[in-house]
Amino acid sequence: MSILIEDDPSPELLAELGYAPDEPLFGLYVGVPLPQRTFGEAPPLPDHILLFRRPLQRACRTRQALREQIRITVLHELGALLRL
């Protein structure tokens, strides 16, 4: 699994996920969650987490707040992998 950083989510991605154009999206898990995988079958593409730099920066006033929000976002997206 890798973590990729992009500046912003695309308008198409926001629309696909049901977000308003001005609604912040901090991160996204892209892949097949573990409970949906079949035994012995590899997922078609490697799993990854996307972090969106500008929404994270806009939401956080301090470097410490940014670090904490990144931690929360990564843990949230790992939960999507596990479907917790």
C-alpha atoms as a PDB file:
ATOM      1  CA  MET A   1       0.000   0.000   0.000  1.00  0.00           C
ATOM      2  CA  SER A   2       1.217   3.468  -0.801  1.00  0.00           C
ATOM      3  CA  ILE A   3       0.176   6.950   0.228  1.00  0.00           C
ATOM      4  CA  LEU A   4      -0.025   9.488  -2.580  1.00  0.00           C
ATOM      5  CA  ILE A   5      -0.420  13.229  -2.178  1.00  0.00           C
ATOM      6  CA  GLU A   6      -2.386  15.360  -4.598  1.00  0.00           C
ATOM      7  CA  ASP A   7      -3.117  19.061  -4.364  1.00  0.00           C
ATOM      8  CA  ASP A   8      -6.911  18.813  -4.578  1.00  0.00           C
ATOM      9  CA  PRO A   9      -9.547  16.237  -5.437  1.00  0.00           C
ATOM     10  CA  SER A  10     -10.906  16.678  -8.946  1.00  0.00           C
ATOM     11  CA  PRO A  11     -14.413  18.097  -9.414  1.00  0.00           C
ATOM     12  CA  GLU A  12     -15.359  14.767 -11.017  1.00  0.00           C
ATOM     13  CA  LEU A  13     -14.198  12.817  -7.948  1.00  0.00           C
ATOM     14  CA  LEU A  14     -16.106  15.107  -5.595  1.00  0.00           C
ATOM     15  CA  ALA A  15     -19.252  14.693  -7.688  1.00  0.00           C
ATOM     16  CA  GLU A  16     -18.809  10.911  -7.874  1.00  0.00           C
ATOM     17  CA  LEU A  17     -18.547  10.741  -4.075  1.00  0.00           C
ATOM     18  CA  GLY A  18     -21.535  13.053  -3.570  1.00  0.00           C
ATOM     19  CA  TYR A  19     -19.504  15.986  -2.214  1.00  0.00           C
ATOM     20  CA  ALA A  20     -20.388  19.601  -2.923  1.00  0.00           C
ATOM     21  CA  PRO A  21     -17.663  21.457  -4.877  1.00  0.00           C
ATOM     22  CA  ASP A  22     -16.712  23.463  -1.768  1.00  0.00           C
ATOM     23  CA  GLU A  23     -16.930  20.537   0.680  1.00  0.00           C
ATOM     24  CA  PRO A  24     -13.479  19.447   1.922  1.00  0.00           C
ATOM     25  CA  LEU A  25     -12.195  15.956   1.198  1.00  0.00           C
ATOM     26  CA  PHE A  26      -8.986  15.163   3.081  1.00  0.00           C
ATOM     27  CA  GLY A  27      -8.304  11.640   1.876  1.00  0.00           C
ATOM     28  CA  LEU A  28      -9.572   8.609   0.031  1.00  0.00           C
ATOM     29  CA  TYR A  29      -8.828   4.886   0.119  1.00  0.00           C
ATOM     30  CA  VAL A  30      -8.618   3.440  -3.396  1.00  0.00           C
ATOM     31  CA  GLY A  31      -8.713  -0.334  -3.642  1.00  0.00           C
ATOM     32  CA  VAL A  32     -10.666  -3.428  -2.732  1.00  0.00           C
ATOM     33  CA  PRO A  33     -11.487  -3.695   0.999  1.00  0.00           C
ATOM     34  CA  LEU A  34     -10.169  -6.858   2.647  1.00  0.00           C
ATOM     35  CA  PRO A  35     -13.620  -8.373   3.388  1.00  0.00           C
ATOM     36  CA  GLN A  36     -14.531  -8.130  -0.316  1.00  0.00           C
ATOM     37  CA  ARG A  37     -11.450  -9.968  -1.546  1.00  0.00           C
ATOM     38  CA  THR A  38     -11.607 -13.611  -2.471  1.00  0.00           C
ATOM     39  CA  PHE A  39      -9.022 -16.057  -1.185  1.00  0.00           C
ATOM     40  CA  GLY A  40      -6.015 -16.408  -3.463  1.00  0.00           C
ATOM     41  CA  GLU A  41      -7.091 -13.643  -5.802  1.00  0.00           C
ATOM     42  CA  ALA A  42      -4.958 -10.520  -5.948  1.00  0.00           C
ATOM     43  CA  PRO A  43      -6.754  -7.183  -6.356  1.00  0.00           C
ATOM     44  CA  PRO A  44      -6.566  -5.742  -9.877  1.00  0.00           C
ATOM     45  CA  LEU A  45      -4.489  -2.717  -8.823  1.00  0.00           C
ATOM     46  CA  PRO A  46      -2.402  -1.984  -5.737  1.00  0.00           C
ATOM     47  CA  ASP A  47      -4.289  -0.324  -2.899  1.00  0.00           C
ATOM     48  CA  HIS A  48      -3.386   3.245  -2.077  1.00  0.00           C
ATOM     49  CA  ILE A  49      -4.491   6.186  -0.007  1.00  0.00           C
ATOM     50  CA  LEU A  50      -4.818   9.619  -1.547  1.00  0.00           C
ATOM     51  CA  LEU A  51      -4.224  12.627   0.698  1.00  0.00           C
ATOM     52  CA  PHE A  52      -5.357  16.024  -0.558  1.00  0.00           C
ATOM     53  CA  ARG A  53      -2.849  18.656   0.516  1.00  0.00           C
ATOM     54  CA  ARG A  54      -4.779  21.914   0.049  1.00  0.00           C
ATOM     55  CA  PRO A  55      -7.986  20.915   1.888  1.00  0.00           C
ATOM     56  CA  LEU A  56      -5.864  19.627   4.776  1.00  0.00           C
ATOM     57  CA  GLN A  57      -3.841  22.849   4.901  1.00  0.00           C
ATOM     58  CA  ARG A  58      -6.955  25.035   4.710  1.00  0.00           C
ATOM     59  CA  ALA A  59      -8.556  23.182   7.619  1.00  0.00           C
ATOM     60  CA  CYS A  60      -5.555  23.432   9.955  1.00  0.00           C
ATOM     61  CA  ARG A  61      -4.170  26.595  11.495  1.00  0.00           C
ATOM     62  CA  THR A  62      -0.956  25.139  12.913  1.00  0.00           C
ATOM     63  CA  ARG A  63       1.629  22.600  11.837  1.00  0.00           C
ATOM     64  CA  GLN A  64       0.680  20.443  14.844  1.00  0.00           C
ATOM     65  CA  ALA A  65      -3.007  20.548  13.882  1.00  0.00           C
ATOM     66  CA  LEU A  66      -2.046  19.560  10.330  1.00  0.00           C
ATOM     67  CA  ARG A  67      -0.020  16.587  11.581  1.00  0.00           C
ATOM     68  CA  GLU A  68      -2.907  15.454  13.755  1.00  0.00           C
ATOM     69  CA  GLN A  69      -5.432  15.782  10.927  1.00  0.00           C
ATOM     70  CA  ILE A  70      -3.173  13.816   8.572  1.00  0.00           C
ATOM     71  CA  ARG A  71      -2.891  11.075  11.217  1.00  0.00           C
ATOM     72  CA  ILE A  72      -6.669  10.988  11.664  1.00  0.00           C
ATOM     73  CA  THR A  73      -7.212  10.908   7.896  1.00  0.00           C
ATOM     74  CA  VAL A  74      -4.747   8.069   7.281  1.00  0.00           C
ATOM     75  CA  LEU A  75      -6.279   6.011  10.111  1.00  0.00           C
ATOM     76  CA  HIS A  76      -9.760   6.679   8.711  1.00  0.00           C
ATOM     77  CA  GLU A  77      -8.713   5.495   5.241  1.00  0.00           C
ATOM     78  CA  LEU A  78      -7.040   2.392   6.703  1.00  0.00           C
ATOM     79  CA  GLY A  79     -10.385   1.677   8.333  1.00  0.00           C
ATOM     80  CA  ALA A  80     -11.931   1.745   4.847  1.00  0.00           C
ATOM     81  CA  LEU A  81      -9.438  -0.955   3.801  1.00  0.00           C
ATOM     82  CA  LEU A  82     -10.532  -3.083   6.749  1.00  0.00           C
ATOM     83  CA  ARG A  83     -14.182  -1.958   6.559  1.00  0.00           C
ATOM     84  CA  LEU A  84     -14.284  -1.304  10.292  1.00  0.00           C
END
